[in-house]
Amino acid sequence: MRGPAVAGERGPFGPRRPANHEEETDRIFADSTAQAKKTWPNRTVGESPPWQTLLARARPRLPDRAPRHGAPHDPPERKPTKTFASRGSVPRSRATVSRSLARRPAPPPMSVASVAALRTAGGSGRRRGAGSPHVGLNGGRFLMMQRRELVTKAGIALAVSCSMATSPASAAGSAQGLEILPFKPDGYNFWTWRGRRIHYVEQGAGQPIVLIHGFGASAFHWRYNIPELAKKYKVYAIDLLGFGWSEKALVDYEATIWMEQVSDFLREIVKEPAVLVGNSLGGFTTLFTATEVPELVRGVVLLNSAGQFADPNKPAAAPAEEEGEGSPLSRFVVKPLKEAFQRVVLGFLFWQSKQPARVEKVLKSVYIDSSNVDEYLVGSITAPTADPNAGEVYYRLMSRFMSNQSRYTLDRLLGKLACPLLLLWGDLDPWVGPAKAARIQEFYADTAVVHLQAGHCPHDEAPEQANRALLEWLAALDARATPAEPSLQTV
């Protein structure tokens, strides 16, 4: 058992605390007062140095604090403490590090948003003695770590606040200051179709245009196109069933379901012939709709459309053959095992595909200029995946529609088309190259093609060029539909 500490006795880590700390403090305070009288002989005790100075002298010094020359009752000499060494520099003591940190200029003031974010990240600010005048036994090391942590958190908070303060329109370089459709978490308008809620956006006045998004996207994918087109036309952008803010209905997703949805949308909401504009899956739906209800469609615009031409070496399978009954072994053993395997695989793919980092990576792979791949776009794609039915809808889409797409080939649909066609094609698309646009133009005579140096979604990657080309084609279509005025020249 160790006996009581003796004042001035040295221990393995320096001078031990005196046995009677309060008496020692009083003695130091009295000696400091006496020293003050010698230093300022013409003043009374009350006029001696400020109380902060006396308190600083009377308070026991921190173990890592360098002594001031000439100060009374300095602690006895002790061995050098452990030093810090930065890369390529001479080792410095903790006292030297502390003094160098103290001489650094104060960081610039942070905004209110930065301070709020810093409090959220770092707690109340008084944890671990942050608000106390005593730093602690390991004062120099802790002070340096605390300052480093403060600077790091402040930088993160400042970056977050700047990111939130920057609008997507200004952050997107290729948008070139175009007006952007405001993002509304609750959506814009809803229409009930066959008992299901369908989301759509409506802006402008004039001849109607209906915009149809691609796989996994929504009406918000036309964010740079809707405001610009609405200056001259009545613009609608619809979310297909199972996508975006439309209901995640548990139905069999055949290609016909979206064709019927768009056809009924034209009848019940638009109520007059319109120009249909579609990207990817939306392009295929647009073309399918135009062939089924030609009286409601006055023109079609395809942007890197999905769909495929029939293989001349492979005869088309009849629907009955595709749905074939098969043997009992196939129906009761093979088919259930196949579906179970598909659910496991597609379930994992859905979980992976809805991660923001994964969505951003895929978008950047099909956007040649990824300036517009921002939080607005990624959020508009990932937000609908939070729906409880989203996983099941994904499974049904991948297992039904994608496998049956060969029943509705592009040559079959183009053979029934009876209106002008415009191809706005991103020639740098890694999925659907310009060869398909050339083949469509070769197959359908009434086709105009505009080649854009963009990827799979040229309307969002290069919106200014896409808007200009679309408006020029629409103006020509309007002039084409207007009957010529009778000539005043007499025969």
Protein backbone atom coordinates (compact mmCIF):
# COMPACT_ATOMS: atom_id res chain seq x y z
CA MET A 1 0.00 0.00 0.00
CA ARG A 2 1.46 3.35 -1.07
CA GLY A 3 1.65 6.01 1.62
CA PRO A 4 0.40 9.56 1.33
CA ALA A 5 2.01 11.70 -1.34
CA VAL A 6 4.65 14.16 -0.18
CA ALA A 7 4.76 17.62 -1.69
CA GLY A 8 7.56 17.87 -4.22
CA GLU A 9 8.07 14.10 -4.43
CA ARG A 10 8.63 12.88 -7.99
CA GLY A 11 6.78 9.94 -9.48
CA PRO A 12 7.27 7.94 -12.67
CA PHE A 13 5.20 10.52 -14.65
CA GLY A 14 6.53 13.73 -13.05
CA PRO A 15 5.73 15.55 -9.77
CA ARG A 16 2.92 14.01 -7.80
CA ARG A 17 0.04 16.15 -6.60
CA PRO A 18 0.73 17.62 -3.13
CA ALA A 19 -0.85 15.90 -0.18
CA ASN A 20 -2.88 18.97 0.65
CA HIS A 21 -3.72 20.53 -2.69
CA GLU A 22 -5.79 23.39 -1.26
CA GLU A 23 -3.02 24.51 1.12
CA GLU A 24 -0.51 24.41 -1.73
CA THR A 25 -2.84 26.51 -3.90
CA ASP A 26 -3.27 29.08 -1.12
CA ARG A 27 0.46 29.24 -0.65
CA ILE A 28 1.06 29.81 -4.37
CA PHE A 29 -1.64 32.48 -4.40
CA ALA A 30 -0.03 34.26 -1.42
CA ASP A 31 3.42 34.13 -3.00
CA SER A 32 1.96 35.48 -6.27
CA THR A 33 0.35 38.36 -4.35
CA ALA A 34 3.65 39.15 -2.67
CA GLN A 35 5.41 39.06 -6.02
CA ALA A 36 2.77 41.40 -7.40
CA LYS A 37 3.43 43.92 -4.59
CA LYS A 38 7.11 43.89 -5.49
CA THR A 39 6.38 44.34 -9.17
CA TRP A 40 3.84 47.16 -8.65
CA PRO A 41 4.97 48.81 -5.37
CA ASN A 42 2.92 51.97 -5.89
CA ARG A 43 -0.43 50.15 -6.13
CA THR A 44 -2.62 48.56 -3.57
CA VAL A 45 -3.48 44.91 -3.62
CA GLY A 46 -6.80 45.73 -5.22
CA GLU A 47 -4.95 47.51 -8.04
CA SER A 48 -2.59 44.63 -8.63
CA PRO A 49 -2.63 42.78 -11.95
CA PRO A 50 -6.07 41.62 -13.10
CA TRP A 51 -7.54 38.60 -11.41
CA GLN A 52 -7.14 36.58 -14.61
CA THR A 53 -3.35 36.98 -14.38
CA LEU A 54 -3.23 36.00 -10.71
CA LEU A 55 -5.50 33.06 -11.31
CA ALA A 56 -3.35 31.87 -14.19
CA ARG A 57 -0.26 32.03 -11.95
CA ALA A 58 -1.96 30.40 -8.99
CA ARG A 59 -3.54 27.56 -10.98
CA PRO A 60 -1.37 24.39 -11.15
CA ARG A 61 0.25 24.20 -14.56
CA LEU A 62 -0.75 21.61 -17.13
CA PRO A 63 1.79 18.81 -17.47
CA ASP A 64 2.28 19.53 -21.22
CA ARG A 65 2.47 23.32 -20.93
CA ALA A 66 5.86 24.97 -21.34
CA PRO A 67 6.91 27.09 -18.29
CA ARG A 68 7.16 30.85 -18.69
CA HIS A 69 10.52 32.32 -17.82
CA GLY A 70 10.50 34.38 -14.65
CA ALA A 71 7.21 33.03 -13.34
CA PRO A 72 7.37 32.14 -9.65
CA HIS A 73 7.16 28.58 -8.39
CA ASP A 74 7.71 26.87 -11.72
CA PRO A 75 7.49 23.08 -11.43
CA PRO A 76 10.79 21.27 -11.15
CA GLU A 77 12.65 20.09 -14.21
CA ARG A 78 11.22 16.92 -15.76
CA LYS A 79 12.11 14.58 -18.57
CA PRO A 80 10.94 15.41 -22.10
CA THR A 81 7.54 14.02 -22.92
CA LYS A 82 6.65 11.92 -25.92
CA THR A 83 6.99 13.90 -29.15
CA PHE A 84 4.92 14.10 -32.30
CA ALA A 85 6.61 13.74 -35.66
CA SER A 86 5.09 14.67 -38.95
CA ARG A 87 6.27 13.14 -42.21
CA GLY A 88 9.61 14.57 -43.24
CA SER A 89 9.85 16.97 -40.31
CA VAL A 90 11.80 17.24 -37.09
CA PRO A 91 9.99 15.83 -34.03
CA ARG A 92 8.32 18.48 -31.91
CA SER A 93 7.10 18.36 -28.35
CA ARG A 94 3.42 18.59 -27.47
CA ALA A 95 4.01 22.05 -26.02
CA THR A 96 5.50 23.25 -29.33
CA VAL A 97 2.58 21.78 -31.27
CA SER A 98 0.10 23.46 -28.96
CA ARG A 99 1.78 26.86 -29.29
CA SER A 100 1.97 26.54 -33.11
CA LEU A 101 -1.73 25.71 -33.25
CA ALA A 102 -2.49 28.68 -31.04
CA ARG A 103 -0.65 31.01 -33.44
CA ARG A 104 -2.68 29.88 -36.45
CA PRO A 105 -5.29 32.35 -37.73
CA ALA A 106 -8.86 31.70 -36.70
CA PRO A 107 -10.99 29.84 -39.26
CA PRO A 108 -13.47 31.92 -41.28
CA PRO A 109 -16.97 32.25 -39.81
CA MET A 110 -19.42 29.54 -40.83
CA SER A 111 -22.93 30.06 -42.08
CA VAL A 112 -26.00 29.17 -40.05
CA ALA A 113 -26.48 26.02 -42.11
CA SER A 114 -22.88 24.98 -41.49
CA VAL A 115 -23.18 25.50 -37.74
CA ALA A 116 -26.41 23.51 -37.65
CA ALA A 117 -24.85 20.68 -39.59
CA LEU A 118 -21.77 20.80 -37.36
CA ARG A 119 -23.89 20.51 -34.23
CA THR A 120 -25.70 17.58 -35.76
CA ALA A 121 -22.43 15.87 -36.62
CA GLY A 122 -20.54 16.69 -33.43
CA GLY A 123 -23.13 16.78 -30.67
CA SER A 124 -23.61 19.55 -28.15
CA GLY A 125 -20.03 20.85 -28.29
CA ARG A 126 -19.36 20.34 -24.57
CA ARG A 127 -18.55 16.66 -24.79
CA ARG A 128 -15.14 15.53 -23.54
CA GLY A 129 -14.47 18.84 -21.87
CA ALA A 130 -14.92 20.98 -24.96
CA GLY A 131 -16.34 23.83 -22.96
CA SER A 132 -14.03 23.56 -19.95
CA PRO A 133 -10.89 25.71 -19.40
CA HIS A 134 -9.00 22.55 -18.34
CA VAL A 135 -8.00 20.38 -21.24
CA GLY A 136 -7.03 17.31 -19.21
CA LEU A 137 -4.00 15.19 -18.48
CA ASN A 138 -3.24 14.61 -22.17
CA GLY A 139 -3.93 18.24 -23.02
CA GLY A 140 -1.58 18.80 -25.96
CA ARG A 141 -2.56 15.64 -27.85
CA PHE A 142 -6.25 16.08 -27.13
CA LEU A 143 -6.17 19.77 -28.09
CA MET A 144 -4.62 18.95 -31.44
CA MET A 145 -7.08 16.09 -32.11
CA GLN A 146 -9.99 18.27 -31.06
CA ARG A 147 -8.98 21.10 -33.38
CA ARG A 148 -8.39 18.66 -36.24
CA GLU A 149 -11.80 17.08 -35.66
CA LEU A 150 -13.42 20.52 -35.54
CA VAL A 151 -11.83 21.60 -38.83
CA THR A 152 -12.84 18.32 -40.51
CA LYS A 153 -16.46 18.52 -39.33
CA ALA A 154 -16.66 22.19 -40.25
CA GLY A 155 -15.41 21.40 -43.75
CA ILE A 156 -17.95 18.61 -44.18
CA ALA A 157 -20.76 20.81 -42.88
CA LEU A 158 -19.74 23.65 -45.17
CA ALA A 159 -19.64 21.31 -48.17
CA VAL A 160 -23.09 19.93 -47.31
CA SER A 161 -24.58 23.39 -46.91
CA CYS A 162 -23.06 24.57 -50.18
CA SER A 163 -24.41 21.47 -51.95
CA MET A 164 -27.91 22.08 -50.62
CA ALA A 165 -27.73 25.75 -51.52
CA THR A 166 -26.76 25.01 -55.13
CA SER A 167 -29.76 24.37 -57.35
CA PRO A 168 -29.64 21.47 -59.83
CA ALA A 169 -30.16 23.87 -62.71
CA SER A 170 -27.05 25.86 -61.87
CA ALA A 171 -25.01 22.76 -61.08
CA ALA A 172 -25.77 21.13 -64.44
CA GLY A 173 -23.30 22.46 -66.95
CA SER A 174 -24.89 21.09 -70.10
CA ALA A 175 -28.33 22.46 -69.19
CA GLN A 176 -26.94 25.97 -69.86
CA GLY A 177 -29.34 27.76 -67.57
CA LEU A 178 -32.54 26.18 -68.87
CA GLU A 179 -35.62 26.41 -66.68
CA ILE A 180 -36.15 23.23 -64.67
CA LEU A 181 -39.36 21.52 -63.58
CA PRO A 182 -39.64 21.93 -59.78
CA PHE A 183 -39.34 18.62 -57.98
CA LYS A 184 -42.41 17.79 -55.88
CA PRO A 185 -42.07 14.78 -53.56
CA ASP A 186 -45.85 14.27 -53.60
CA GLY A 187 -46.18 14.59 -57.38
CA TYR A 188 -48.32 16.94 -59.49
CA ASN A 189 -51.62 15.55 -60.83
CA PHE A 190 -53.27 12.15 -60.48
CA TRP A 191 -55.73 10.37 -62.74
CA THR A 192 -57.61 7.20 -61.83
CA TRP A 193 -57.30 4.56 -64.54
CA ARG A 194 -58.98 1.20 -64.00
CA GLY A 195 -58.95 1.85 -60.27
CA ARG A 196 -55.20 2.73 -60.24
CA ARG A 197 -53.61 6.09 -59.47
CA ILE A 198 -51.65 7.47 -62.40
CA HIS A 199 -49.35 10.46 -61.97
CA TYR A 200 -48.85 13.10 -64.66
CA VAL A 201 -47.58 16.66 -65.15
CA GLU A 202 -49.49 19.25 -67.18
CA GLN A 203 -48.16 22.64 -68.29
CA GLY A 204 -48.67 25.22 -71.06
CA ALA A 205 -51.36 25.76 -73.66
CA GLY A 206 -51.81 24.97 -77.35
CA GLN A 207 -51.45 21.77 -79.37
CA PRO A 208 -50.90 18.81 -77.00
CA ILE A 209 -47.64 16.90 -76.58
CA VAL A 210 -47.39 13.77 -74.40
CA LEU A 211 -43.96 12.80 -73.02
CA ILE A 212 -43.38 9.17 -71.97
CA HIS A 213 -40.33 8.19 -69.91
CA GLY A 214 -38.09 5.13 -70.14
CA PHE A 215 -37.57 2.09 -67.91
CA GLY A 216 -37.11 3.02 -64.24
CA ALA A 217 -37.63 6.75 -64.82
CA SER A 218 -40.63 9.07 -64.38
CA ALA A 219 -42.16 12.31 -65.61
CA PHE A 220 -39.37 14.17 -63.77
CA HIS A 221 -36.90 12.86 -66.35
CA TRP A 222 -38.34 15.52 -68.69
CA ARG A 223 -37.36 18.25 -66.20
CA TYR A 224 -35.53 20.41 -68.80
CA ASN A 225 -38.00 19.79 -71.62
CA ILE A 226 -41.41 20.47 -70.05
CA PRO A 227 -40.88 24.18 -69.21
CA GLU A 228 -39.36 24.94 -72.62
CA LEU A 229 -41.99 23.09 -74.68
CA ALA A 230 -44.80 24.53 -72.55
CA LYS A 231 -44.01 28.02 -73.88
CA LYS A 232 -45.68 27.05 -77.17
CA TYR A 233 -47.60 23.82 -76.52
CA LYS A 234 -49.79 22.02 -74.00
CA VAL A 235 -47.37 19.54 -72.47
CA TYR A 236 -48.24 16.36 -70.58
CA ALA A 237 -45.72 13.98 -69.00
CA ILE A 238 -47.17 10.73 -67.69
CA ASP A 239 -45.80 8.04 -65.36
CA LEU A 240 -46.43 4.56 -66.72
CA LEU A 241 -48.15 2.10 -64.39
CA GLY A 242 -45.58 0.59 -62.02
CA PHE A 243 -43.10 3.46 -62.46
CA GLY A 244 -42.49 6.83 -60.88
CA TRP A 245 -45.33 8.21 -58.79
CA SER A 246 -47.96 6.00 -60.44
CA GLU A 247 -49.33 3.08 -58.45
CA LYS A 248 -47.18 -0.04 -58.13
CA ALA A 249 -50.02 -2.34 -59.17
CA LEU A 250 -49.54 -6.11 -58.89
CA VAL A 251 -50.68 -6.98 -62.38
CA ASP A 252 -49.20 -8.87 -65.32
CA TYR A 253 -47.01 -6.33 -67.09
CA GLU A 254 -47.40 -7.01 -70.78
CA ALA A 255 -46.46 -4.51 -73.46
CA THR A 256 -50.17 -3.97 -74.12
CA ILE A 257 -50.89 -2.57 -70.65
CA TRP A 258 -48.96 0.66 -71.21
CA MET A 259 -50.33 1.04 -74.73
CA GLU A 260 -53.85 0.85 -73.30
CA GLN A 261 -52.95 3.27 -70.50
CA VAL A 262 -51.62 5.91 -72.91
CA SER A 263 -54.55 5.41 -75.27
CA ASP A 264 -57.06 6.01 -72.47
CA PHE A 265 -55.01 8.98 -71.27
CA LEU A 266 -55.39 10.55 -74.71
CA ARG A 267 -59.14 9.93 -74.66
CA GLU A 268 -59.91 11.02 -71.09
CA ILE A 269 -57.32 13.70 -70.25
CA VAL A 270 -55.90 15.11 -73.49
CA LYS A 271 -59.15 14.70 -75.46
CA GLU A 272 -57.62 15.56 -78.86
CA PRO A 273 -54.93 14.20 -81.19
CA ALA A 274 -51.44 14.73 -79.79
CA VAL A 275 -47.78 14.25 -80.61
CA LEU A 276 -46.27 11.39 -78.63
CA VAL A 277 -42.63 11.63 -77.51
CA GLY A 278 -40.94 8.63 -75.90
CA ASN A 279 -37.49 7.61 -74.68
CA SER A 280 -36.30 3.99 -74.50
CA LEU A 281 -39.24 1.91 -73.16
CA GLY A 282 -41.42 5.01 -73.57
CA GLY A 283 -40.46 5.13 -77.25
CA PHE A 284 -41.64 1.57 -77.76
CA THR A 285 -44.91 2.38 -75.93
CA THR A 286 -45.33 5.51 -78.05
CA LEU A 287 -44.92 3.59 -81.29
CA PHE A 288 -47.27 0.83 -80.13
CA THR A 289 -49.96 3.36 -79.15
CA ALA A 290 -49.71 5.20 -82.46
CA THR A 291 -50.40 1.98 -84.37
CA GLU A 292 -53.41 1.03 -82.23
CA VAL A 293 -55.18 4.43 -82.02
CA PRO A 294 -53.97 6.36 -85.09
CA GLU A 295 -56.90 8.79 -84.83
CA LEU A 296 -55.47 10.09 -81.52
CA VAL A 297 -51.85 10.52 -82.65
CA ARG A 298 -50.68 13.20 -85.10
CA GLY A 299 -46.95 12.51 -84.83
CA VAL A 300 -44.37 10.31 -83.10
CA VAL A 301 -40.91 11.19 -81.75
CA LEU A 302 -38.53 8.41 -80.67
CA LEU A 303 -35.45 9.04 -78.56
CA ASN A 304 -33.21 5.93 -78.57
CA SER A 305 -36.26 3.71 -78.54
CA ALA A 306 -36.42 0.19 -77.15
CA GLY A 307 -37.67 -2.68 -79.29
CA GLN A 308 -36.07 -4.96 -81.81
CA PHE A 309 -36.52 -6.04 -85.38
CA ALA A 310 -37.64 -9.56 -86.10
CA ASP A 311 -35.00 -12.12 -86.88
CA PRO A 312 -35.67 -13.27 -90.47
CA ASN A 313 -34.03 -16.60 -89.73
CA LYS A 314 -36.34 -17.32 -86.81
CA PRO A 315 -40.12 -17.67 -87.30
CA ALA A 316 -42.27 -15.72 -84.89
CA ALA A 317 -43.74 -17.86 -82.15
CA ALA A 318 -47.48 -17.89 -81.73
CA PRO A 319 -48.88 -16.74 -78.38
CA ALA A 320 -50.26 -20.21 -77.72
CA GLU A 321 -46.83 -21.72 -78.24
CA GLU A 322 -45.23 -19.20 -75.89
CA GLU A 323 -47.74 -19.95 -73.17
CA GLY A 324 -47.63 -23.69 -73.95
CA GLU A 325 -49.09 -26.04 -71.44
CA GLY A 326 -46.13 -28.43 -71.49
CA SER A 327 -45.84 -31.72 -69.68
CA PRO A 328 -46.86 -32.25 -66.03
CA LEU A 329 -43.17 -32.40 -65.09
CA SER A 330 -42.63 -29.00 -66.68
CA ARG A 331 -45.72 -27.45 -65.09
CA PHE A 332 -45.30 -28.79 -61.54
CA VAL A 333 -41.52 -29.13 -61.16
CA VAL A 334 -39.50 -27.23 -63.73
CA LYS A 335 -41.63 -24.10 -63.84
CA PRO A 336 -41.88 -23.59 -60.03
CA LEU A 337 -38.12 -24.12 -59.65
CA LYS A 338 -37.45 -21.67 -62.46
CA GLU A 339 -39.71 -19.04 -60.88
CA ALA A 340 -38.10 -19.54 -57.45
CA PHE A 341 -34.65 -19.08 -58.95
CA GLN A 342 -35.80 -15.98 -60.84
CA ARG A 343 -37.22 -14.46 -57.67
CA VAL A 344 -33.95 -14.90 -55.81
CA VAL A 345 -31.82 -13.51 -58.62
CA LEU A 346 -34.16 -10.66 -59.53
CA GLY A 347 -34.72 -9.83 -55.87
CA PHE A 348 -30.98 -9.32 -55.43
CA LEU A 349 -30.76 -7.34 -58.67
CA PHE A 350 -33.60 -5.07 -57.54
CA TRP A 351 -31.97 -4.44 -54.15
CA GLN A 352 -28.72 -3.61 -55.91
CA SER A 353 -30.28 -1.50 -58.67
CA LYS A 354 -32.17 0.78 -56.26
CA GLN A 355 -29.04 1.87 -54.37
CA PRO A 356 -28.27 5.56 -55.16
CA ALA A 357 -24.60 4.80 -55.84
CA ARG A 358 -25.58 2.06 -58.28
CA VAL A 359 -28.15 4.28 -60.02
CA GLU A 360 -25.58 7.04 -60.38
CA LYS A 361 -23.02 4.60 -61.79
CA VAL A 362 -25.46 3.26 -64.40
CA LEU A 363 -26.54 6.76 -65.41
CA LYS A 364 -22.95 7.89 -65.85
CA SER A 365 -22.32 4.87 -68.06
CA VAL A 366 -25.07 5.95 -70.51
CA TYR A 367 -24.62 9.74 -70.16
CA ILE A 368 -21.55 10.67 -72.17
CA ASP A 369 -21.58 14.07 -70.47
CA SER A 370 -22.53 13.28 -66.87
CA SER A 371 -22.95 16.92 -65.79
CA ASN A 372 -26.70 16.43 -65.39
CA VAL A 373 -26.40 13.24 -63.34
CA ASP A 374 -27.21 15.01 -60.08
CA GLU A 375 -29.21 14.55 -56.88
CA TYR A 376 -32.43 15.60 -58.62
CA LEU A 377 -32.14 12.85 -61.23
CA VAL A 378 -30.90 10.11 -58.90
CA GLY A 379 -33.55 10.98 -56.29
CA SER A 380 -36.37 10.91 -58.83
CA ILE A 381 -35.36 7.34 -59.75
CA THR A 382 -34.69 5.94 -56.27
CA ALA A 383 -37.64 7.54 -54.42
CA PRO A 384 -40.34 5.31 -56.02
CA THR A 385 -38.42 2.15 -55.06
CA ALA A 386 -39.42 2.71 -51.42
CA ASP A 387 -42.95 1.51 -52.27
CA PRO A 388 -43.68 -1.89 -50.64
CA ASN A 389 -44.75 -3.36 -54.00
CA ALA A 390 -41.76 -2.05 -55.95
CA GLY A 391 -39.78 -5.30 -55.65
CA GLU A 392 -42.65 -7.46 -56.87
CA VAL A 393 -43.32 -5.06 -59.76
CA TYR A 394 -39.67 -5.28 -60.76
CA TYR A 395 -39.85 -9.08 -60.75
CA ARG A 396 -42.97 -9.09 -62.93
CA LEU A 397 -41.50 -6.57 -65.33
CA MET A 398 -38.30 -8.49 -65.82
CA SER A 399 -39.86 -11.95 -65.96
CA ARG A 400 -42.86 -11.11 -68.17
CA PHE A 401 -42.51 -8.02 -70.32
CA MET A 402 -38.84 -8.38 -71.21
CA SER A 403 -39.25 -12.03 -72.19
CA ASN A 404 -42.35 -11.35 -74.33
CA GLN A 405 -41.06 -8.26 -76.10
CA SER A 406 -40.23 -10.34 -79.20
CA ARG A 407 -43.95 -10.63 -79.91
CA TYR A 408 -44.08 -6.91 -80.77
CA THR A 409 -41.23 -6.20 -83.17
CA LEU A 410 -40.38 -2.81 -84.63
CA ASP A 411 -40.93 -3.90 -88.21
CA ARG A 412 -44.42 -5.10 -87.28
CA LEU A 413 -45.29 -1.79 -85.58
CA LEU A 414 -43.70 0.42 -88.26
CA GLY A 415 -45.69 -1.48 -90.88
CA LYS A 416 -48.89 -0.15 -89.26
CA LEU A 417 -47.72 3.42 -88.54
CA ALA A 418 -49.52 6.20 -90.43
CA CYS A 419 -48.10 9.51 -89.14
CA PRO A 420 -44.83 11.49 -89.41
CA LEU A 421 -41.90 10.15 -87.39
CA LEU A 422 -38.92 11.98 -85.91
CA LEU A 423 -35.85 10.22 -84.53
CA LEU A 424 -33.87 12.26 -81.97
CA TRP A 425 -30.96 9.88 -81.60
CA GLY A 426 -28.03 9.96 -79.23
CA ASP A 427 -25.35 8.45 -81.45
CA LEU A 428 -23.01 7.72 -78.50
CA ASP A 429 -25.53 5.47 -76.73
CA PRO A 430 -23.72 2.29 -75.57
CA TRP A 431 -27.04 0.38 -75.54
CA VAL A 432 -28.89 1.53 -78.66
CA GLY A 433 -26.53 2.83 -81.32
CA PRO A 434 -27.23 4.85 -84.48
CA ALA A 435 -27.53 1.65 -86.55
CA LYS A 436 -31.06 1.16 -85.26
CA ALA A 437 -32.03 4.71 -86.24
CA ALA A 438 -30.69 4.07 -89.76
CA ARG A 439 -32.66 0.85 -90.03
CA ILE A 440 -35.88 2.54 -88.83
CA GLN A 441 -35.42 5.31 -91.39
CA GLU A 442 -34.80 2.75 -94.10
CA PHE A 443 -37.93 0.80 -93.11
CA TYR A 444 -40.31 3.79 -92.71
CA ALA A 445 -40.18 6.45 -95.41
CA ASP A 446 -41.83 9.35 -93.54
CA THR A 447 -38.94 9.64 -91.07
CA ALA A 448 -36.72 12.57 -90.14
CA VAL A 449 -33.52 11.95 -88.18
CA VAL A 450 -31.56 14.33 -85.96
CA HIS A 451 -28.27 12.97 -84.67
CA LEU A 452 -27.10 14.24 -81.28
CA GLN A 453 -23.69 13.72 -79.67
CA ALA A 454 -25.19 12.22 -76.53
CA GLY A 455 -25.97 8.90 -74.87
CA HIS A 456 -29.13 6.95 -74.15
CA CYS A 457 -31.13 9.94 -72.79
CA PRO A 458 -30.36 12.85 -75.13
CA HIS A 459 -33.35 14.88 -73.90
CA ASP A 460 -31.79 15.15 -70.43
CA GLU A 461 -28.10 15.00 -71.30
CA ALA A 462 -28.28 17.60 -74.08
CA PRO A 463 -31.67 19.27 -73.43
CA GLU A 464 -30.97 22.49 -75.28
CA GLN A 465 -30.15 20.72 -78.55
CA ALA A 466 -33.01 18.24 -78.12
CA ASN A 467 -35.54 21.01 -77.42
CA ARG A 468 -34.41 23.02 -80.42
CA ALA A 469 -34.65 20.07 -82.80
CA LEU A 470 -38.04 19.02 -81.43
CA LEU A 471 -39.50 22.53 -81.67
CA GLU A 472 -38.31 22.89 -85.27
CA TRP A 473 -39.89 19.58 -86.24
CA LEU A 474 -43.14 20.47 -84.43
CA ALA A 475 -43.28 23.80 -86.29
CA ALA A 476 -42.87 21.96 -89.60
CA LEU A 477 -45.56 19.46 -88.55
CA ASP A 478 -47.97 22.30 -87.71
CA ALA A 479 -47.31 23.94 -91.07
CA ARG A 480 -47.83 20.62 -92.77
CA ALA A 481 -51.18 20.09 -91.07
CA THR A 482 -52.43 23.59 -91.87
CA PRO A 483 -54.30 23.67 -95.21
CA ALA A 484 -52.82 26.00 -97.77
CA GLU A 485 -54.62 29.30 -98.27
CA PRO A 486 -56.38 29.64 -101.65
CA SER A 487 -54.38 31.63 -104.16
CA LEU A 488 -55.68 35.06 -105.19
CA GLN A 489 -54.29 34.61 -108.66
CA THR A 490 -57.05 34.15 -111.21
CA VAL A 491 -56.89 31.40 -113.75
